[in-house]
Amino acid sequence: MTMARIGKFTLDQAAWVVARGSATSIDDYGAKTRSNSGGDILLGQTRDVKPGDLGVADGSIVNLYVVVVAGTDNEARQSFIFDRSSTTAANYKLTGTTGSNTLALVSVG
């Protein structure tokens, strides 16, 4: 199975938290790094998280990483290849609270 190429993540923020979208990526040596994070995403908001805008290099293997302010951060289990020219999005939903939240892949498309 080949890894899907995406141009962005979309986060539907349905948790009782303040979240910030970020991404983790794997470098050429196999080390995982976390990108900068974007602005606050509040309960009820849906926002794009664009790895390229956060410093991730084109062609990197990426995962969505959600910073939960004053809470437990969450990293998606699914990995994708970041392709700046792709119009495909990996769509996620965050639910729960600061101490216990769930990040779930909803669709890729």
N, C-alpha and C. Protein backbone atom coordinates (compact mmCIF):
# COMPACT_ATOMS: atom_id res chain seq x y z
N MET A 1 0.84 -1.18 0.00
CA MET A 1 0.00 0.00 0.00
C MET A 1 0.89 1.25 0.00
N THR A 2 0.60 2.19 -0.87
CA THR A 2 1.39 3.41 -0.92
C THR A 2 0.82 4.45 0.04
N MET A 3 1.70 5.30 0.52
CA MET A 3 1.30 6.35 1.45
C MET A 3 0.65 7.49 0.65
N ALA A 4 -0.48 7.99 1.14
CA ALA A 4 -1.19 9.07 0.46
C ALA A 4 -0.40 10.38 0.54
N ARG A 5 -0.53 11.18 -0.50
CA ARG A 5 0.10 12.50 -0.55
C ARG A 5 -0.96 13.54 -0.20
N ILE A 6 -0.63 14.41 0.74
CA ILE A 6 -1.59 15.45 1.14
C ILE A 6 -0.92 16.82 1.07
N GLY A 7 -1.77 17.85 0.91
CA GLY A 7 -1.28 19.22 0.93
C GLY A 7 -1.55 19.91 2.24
N LYS A 8 -2.47 19.33 3.03
CA LYS A 8 -2.81 19.94 4.32
C LYS A 8 -3.59 18.96 5.18
N PHE A 9 -3.68 19.33 6.46
CA PHE A 9 -4.59 18.68 7.40
C PHE A 9 -5.73 19.66 7.65
N THR A 10 -6.90 19.14 7.97
CA THR A 10 -8.00 19.96 8.43
C THR A 10 -8.40 19.44 9.81
N LEU A 11 -8.52 20.35 10.78
CA LEU A 11 -8.88 19.96 12.14
C LEU A 11 -10.23 20.54 12.51
N ASP A 12 -11.18 19.65 12.81
CA ASP A 12 -12.49 20.02 13.35
C ASP A 12 -12.33 19.96 14.87
N GLN A 13 -12.32 21.10 15.51
CA GLN A 13 -12.02 21.19 16.93
C GLN A 13 -13.32 21.12 17.72
N ALA A 14 -13.65 19.93 18.23
CA ALA A 14 -14.88 19.70 18.97
C ALA A 14 -14.58 19.36 20.43
N ALA A 15 -13.39 19.69 20.90
CA ALA A 15 -13.00 19.40 22.29
C ALA A 15 -13.10 20.67 23.13
N TRP A 16 -13.26 20.48 24.43
CA TRP A 16 -13.33 21.60 25.38
C TRP A 16 -11.91 22.03 25.74
N VAL A 17 -11.16 22.47 24.73
CA VAL A 17 -9.76 22.86 24.90
C VAL A 17 -9.44 24.02 23.95
N VAL A 18 -8.29 24.62 24.16
CA VAL A 18 -7.69 25.50 23.16
C VAL A 18 -6.60 24.68 22.50
N ALA A 19 -6.69 24.53 21.18
CA ALA A 19 -5.74 23.69 20.45
C ALA A 19 -4.94 24.54 19.47
N ARG A 20 -3.77 24.02 19.11
CA ARG A 20 -2.94 24.63 18.09
C ARG A 20 -2.45 23.52 17.17
N GLY A 21 -2.60 23.72 15.87
CA GLY A 21 -2.19 22.71 14.90
C GLY A 21 -0.70 22.77 14.62
N SER A 22 -0.10 21.61 14.51
CA SER A 22 1.32 21.45 14.23
C SER A 22 1.47 20.17 13.43
N ALA A 23 2.70 19.82 13.11
CA ALA A 23 2.97 18.57 12.39
C ALA A 23 4.28 17.99 12.88
N THR A 24 4.37 16.67 12.86
CA THR A 24 5.65 16.01 13.08
C THR A 24 6.10 15.49 11.73
N SER A 25 7.41 15.44 11.55
CA SER A 25 7.95 14.92 10.30
C SER A 25 9.20 14.09 10.59
N ILE A 26 9.53 13.23 9.65
CA ILE A 26 10.70 12.37 9.76
C ILE A 26 11.76 12.92 8.81
N ASP A 27 12.96 13.17 9.33
CA ASP A 27 14.02 13.69 8.46
C ASP A 27 14.74 12.55 7.74
N ASP A 28 15.74 12.89 6.95
CA ASP A 28 16.47 11.90 6.14
C ASP A 28 17.20 10.86 6.98
N TYR A 29 17.42 11.16 8.26
CA TYR A 29 18.14 10.25 9.15
C TYR A 29 17.19 9.45 10.05
N GLY A 30 15.89 9.63 9.84
CA GLY A 30 14.91 8.90 10.62
C GLY A 30 14.52 9.55 11.93
N ALA A 31 15.01 10.76 12.18
CA ALA A 31 14.66 11.47 13.42
C ALA A 31 13.34 12.22 13.25
N LYS A 32 12.52 12.16 14.29
CA LYS A 32 11.24 12.85 14.26
C LYS A 32 11.40 14.24 14.85
N THR A 33 10.86 15.23 14.16
CA THR A 33 10.87 16.60 14.66
C THR A 33 9.45 17.17 14.60
N ARG A 34 9.19 18.15 15.46
CA ARG A 34 7.88 18.80 15.47
C ARG A 34 8.02 20.20 14.92
N SER A 35 7.09 20.59 14.07
CA SER A 35 7.11 21.90 13.44
C SER A 35 6.65 22.98 14.42
N ASN A 36 6.72 24.20 13.96
CA ASN A 36 6.09 25.30 14.69
C ASN A 36 4.60 25.00 14.76
N SER A 37 3.88 25.72 15.61
CA SER A 37 2.43 25.53 15.67
C SER A 37 1.74 26.81 15.22
N GLY A 38 0.51 26.64 14.75
CA GLY A 38 -0.28 27.77 14.29
C GLY A 38 -1.00 28.43 15.45
N GLY A 39 -1.94 29.29 15.12
CA GLY A 39 -2.70 30.02 16.13
C GLY A 39 -3.73 29.15 16.83
N ASP A 40 -4.39 29.77 17.80
CA ASP A 40 -5.40 29.06 18.60
C ASP A 40 -6.58 28.60 17.74
N ILE A 41 -7.03 27.37 18.00
CA ILE A 41 -8.23 26.81 17.38
C ILE A 41 -9.18 26.51 18.53
N LEU A 42 -10.28 27.21 18.58
CA LEU A 42 -11.22 27.11 19.70
C LEU A 42 -12.33 26.11 19.42
N LEU A 43 -13.04 25.72 20.48
CA LEU A 43 -14.18 24.81 20.37
C LEU A 43 -15.14 25.29 19.28
N GLY A 44 -15.50 24.39 18.38
CA GLY A 44 -16.45 24.70 17.32
C GLY A 44 -15.83 25.22 16.04
N GLN A 45 -14.53 25.43 16.03
CA GLN A 45 -13.86 25.93 14.83
C GLN A 45 -13.25 24.79 14.03
N THR A 46 -13.19 24.98 12.72
CA THR A 46 -12.48 24.06 11.82
C THR A 46 -11.42 24.88 11.11
N ARG A 47 -10.19 24.41 11.16
CA ARG A 47 -9.08 25.16 10.57
C ARG A 47 -8.18 24.24 9.77
N ASP A 48 -7.56 24.82 8.76
CA ASP A 48 -6.53 24.12 8.00
C ASP A 48 -5.21 24.21 8.74
N VAL A 49 -4.46 23.12 8.72
CA VAL A 49 -3.10 23.08 9.24
C VAL A 49 -2.23 22.70 8.05
N LYS A 50 -1.46 23.67 7.56
CA LYS A 50 -0.66 23.48 6.35
C LYS A 50 0.80 23.28 6.75
N PRO A 51 1.30 22.06 6.61
CA PRO A 51 2.68 21.78 7.02
C PRO A 51 3.71 22.71 6.41
N GLY A 52 3.53 23.09 5.15
CA GLY A 52 4.49 23.98 4.49
C GLY A 52 4.57 25.34 5.15
N ASP A 53 3.45 25.83 5.66
CA ASP A 53 3.43 27.12 6.35
C ASP A 53 4.07 27.03 7.73
N LEU A 54 4.27 25.80 8.22
CA LEU A 54 4.84 25.59 9.55
C LEU A 54 6.30 25.15 9.50
N GLY A 55 6.88 25.20 8.31
CA GLY A 55 8.31 24.89 8.17
C GLY A 55 8.65 23.48 7.76
N VAL A 56 7.65 22.68 7.37
CA VAL A 56 7.90 21.30 6.96
C VAL A 56 8.30 21.27 5.49
N ALA A 57 9.33 20.52 5.17
CA ALA A 57 9.84 20.43 3.80
C ALA A 57 8.93 19.57 2.92
N ASP A 58 8.79 19.98 1.69
CA ASP A 58 8.02 19.22 0.70
C ASP A 58 8.61 17.81 0.57
N GLY A 59 7.76 16.79 0.52
CA GLY A 59 8.21 15.41 0.39
C GLY A 59 8.43 14.70 1.72
N SER A 60 8.29 15.42 2.84
CA SER A 60 8.47 14.81 4.16
C SER A 60 7.31 13.89 4.52
N ILE A 61 7.60 12.91 5.34
CA ILE A 61 6.54 12.08 5.93
C ILE A 61 6.02 12.85 7.14
N VAL A 62 4.70 13.09 7.18
CA VAL A 62 4.12 13.94 8.22
C VAL A 62 2.96 13.29 8.94
N ASN A 63 2.78 13.71 10.19
CA ASN A 63 1.62 13.36 11.01
C ASN A 63 1.07 14.66 11.58
N LEU A 64 -0.24 14.74 11.76
CA LEU A 64 -0.82 15.88 12.45
C LEU A 64 -0.47 15.79 13.93
N TYR A 65 -0.08 16.90 14.52
CA TYR A 65 0.21 16.99 15.95
C TYR A 65 -0.60 18.15 16.49
N VAL A 66 -1.39 17.89 17.52
CA VAL A 66 -2.22 18.94 18.11
C VAL A 66 -1.69 19.29 19.49
N VAL A 67 -1.29 20.55 19.64
CA VAL A 67 -0.87 21.07 20.93
C VAL A 67 -2.14 21.46 21.68
N VAL A 68 -2.33 20.90 22.87
CA VAL A 68 -3.47 21.24 23.71
C VAL A 68 -2.96 22.13 24.84
N VAL A 69 -3.36 23.40 24.81
CA VAL A 69 -2.89 24.37 25.80
C VAL A 69 -3.32 23.91 27.20
N ALA A 70 -2.35 23.83 28.11
CA ALA A 70 -2.58 23.41 29.50
C ALA A 70 -3.20 22.01 29.58
N GLY A 71 -2.88 21.17 28.60
CA GLY A 71 -3.44 19.82 28.60
C GLY A 71 -2.51 18.82 27.95
N THR A 72 -3.08 17.70 27.55
CA THR A 72 -2.34 16.60 26.96
C THR A 72 -2.35 16.72 25.44
N ASP A 73 -1.17 16.89 24.83
CA ASP A 73 -1.07 16.97 23.37
C ASP A 73 -1.46 15.63 22.75
N ASN A 74 -1.73 15.66 21.44
CA ASN A 74 -2.17 14.47 20.75
C ASN A 74 -1.54 14.42 19.36
N GLU A 75 -1.00 13.27 18.99
CA GLU A 75 -0.43 13.07 17.67
C GLU A 75 -1.20 11.99 16.92
N ALA A 76 -1.53 12.29 15.67
CA ALA A 76 -2.24 11.32 14.84
C ALA A 76 -1.36 10.10 14.58
N ARG A 77 -1.98 8.95 14.46
CA ARG A 77 -1.25 7.71 14.18
C ARG A 77 -0.94 7.54 12.70
N GLN A 78 -1.71 8.19 11.84
CA GLN A 78 -1.57 8.02 10.40
C GLN A 78 -0.50 8.96 9.85
N SER A 79 0.30 8.44 8.94
CA SER A 79 1.35 9.22 8.29
C SER A 79 1.03 9.42 6.82
N PHE A 80 1.49 10.56 6.30
CA PHE A 80 1.26 10.92 4.91
C PHE A 80 2.53 11.53 4.35
N ILE A 81 2.61 11.62 3.03
CA ILE A 81 3.69 12.36 2.39
C ILE A 81 3.18 13.76 2.11
N PHE A 82 3.91 14.76 2.60
CA PHE A 82 3.52 16.14 2.37
C PHE A 82 3.92 16.56 0.96
N ASP A 83 2.93 17.00 0.21
CA ASP A 83 3.12 17.47 -1.17
C ASP A 83 2.44 18.83 -1.29
N ARG A 84 3.26 19.87 -1.30
CA ARG A 84 2.74 21.24 -1.31
C ARG A 84 1.74 21.48 -2.44
N SER A 85 1.89 20.78 -3.57
CA SER A 85 1.01 21.01 -4.72
C SER A 85 -0.29 20.20 -4.65
N SER A 86 -0.41 19.31 -3.68
CA SER A 86 -1.60 18.46 -3.57
C SER A 86 -2.79 19.23 -3.03
N THR A 87 -3.96 18.93 -3.57
CA THR A 87 -5.20 19.52 -3.05
C THR A 87 -5.90 18.57 -2.09
N THR A 88 -5.30 17.43 -1.81
CA THR A 88 -5.88 16.44 -0.89
C THR A 88 -5.62 16.84 0.55
N ALA A 89 -6.64 16.67 1.39
CA ALA A 89 -6.52 16.97 2.82
C ALA A 89 -6.79 15.71 3.64
N ALA A 90 -6.08 15.59 4.75
CA ALA A 90 -6.39 14.57 5.76
C ALA A 90 -7.23 15.28 6.82
N ASN A 91 -8.47 14.85 6.97
CA ASN A 91 -9.43 15.54 7.84
C ASN A 91 -9.56 14.84 9.17
N TYR A 92 -9.34 15.59 10.25
CA TYR A 92 -9.36 15.05 11.61
C TYR A 92 -10.38 15.76 12.47
N LYS A 93 -10.78 15.07 13.54
CA LYS A 93 -11.67 15.65 14.55
C LYS A 93 -11.06 15.43 15.93
N LEU A 94 -11.00 16.51 16.72
CA LEU A 94 -10.52 16.44 18.09
C LEU A 94 -11.70 16.54 19.02
N THR A 95 -11.82 15.59 19.96
CA THR A 95 -12.91 15.60 20.94
C THR A 95 -12.31 15.40 22.34
N GLY A 96 -13.09 15.73 23.38
CA GLY A 96 -12.67 15.47 24.74
C GLY A 96 -12.38 16.74 25.52
N THR A 97 -11.44 16.62 26.47
CA THR A 97 -11.08 17.70 27.37
C THR A 97 -9.55 17.84 27.43
N THR A 98 -9.07 18.79 28.25
CA THR A 98 -7.61 19.00 28.33
C THR A 98 -6.89 17.74 28.80
N GLY A 99 -7.45 17.02 29.75
CA GLY A 99 -6.79 15.85 30.31
C GLY A 99 -6.99 14.57 29.53
N SER A 100 -8.05 14.52 28.74
CA SER A 100 -8.36 13.30 28.00
C SER A 100 -9.03 13.68 26.68
N ASN A 101 -8.24 13.64 25.61
CA ASN A 101 -8.81 13.99 24.31
C ASN A 101 -8.45 12.94 23.28
N THR A 102 -9.23 12.92 22.21
CA THR A 102 -9.06 11.93 21.15
C THR A 102 -8.95 12.64 19.82
N LEU A 103 -7.97 12.25 19.01
CA LEU A 103 -7.78 12.78 17.67
C LEU A 103 -8.09 11.65 16.70
N ALA A 104 -9.11 11.83 15.87
CA ALA A 104 -9.55 10.76 14.97
C ALA A 104 -9.54 11.21 13.53
N LEU A 105 -9.00 10.35 12.65
CA LEU A 105 -9.05 10.60 11.21
C LEU A 105 -10.48 10.38 10.73
N VAL A 106 -11.04 11.36 10.06
CA VAL A 106 -12.40 11.28 9.56
C VAL A 106 -12.40 10.85 8.09
N SER A 107 -11.53 11.46 7.30
CA SER A 107 -11.47 11.13 5.88
C SER A 107 -10.20 11.69 5.26
N VAL A 108 -9.88 11.19 4.08
CA VAL A 108 -8.78 11.74 3.28
C VAL A 108 -9.37 12.02 1.92
N GLY A 109 -9.27 13.24 1.50
CA GLY A 109 -9.85 13.57 0.20
C GLY A 109 -9.81 15.04 -0.10
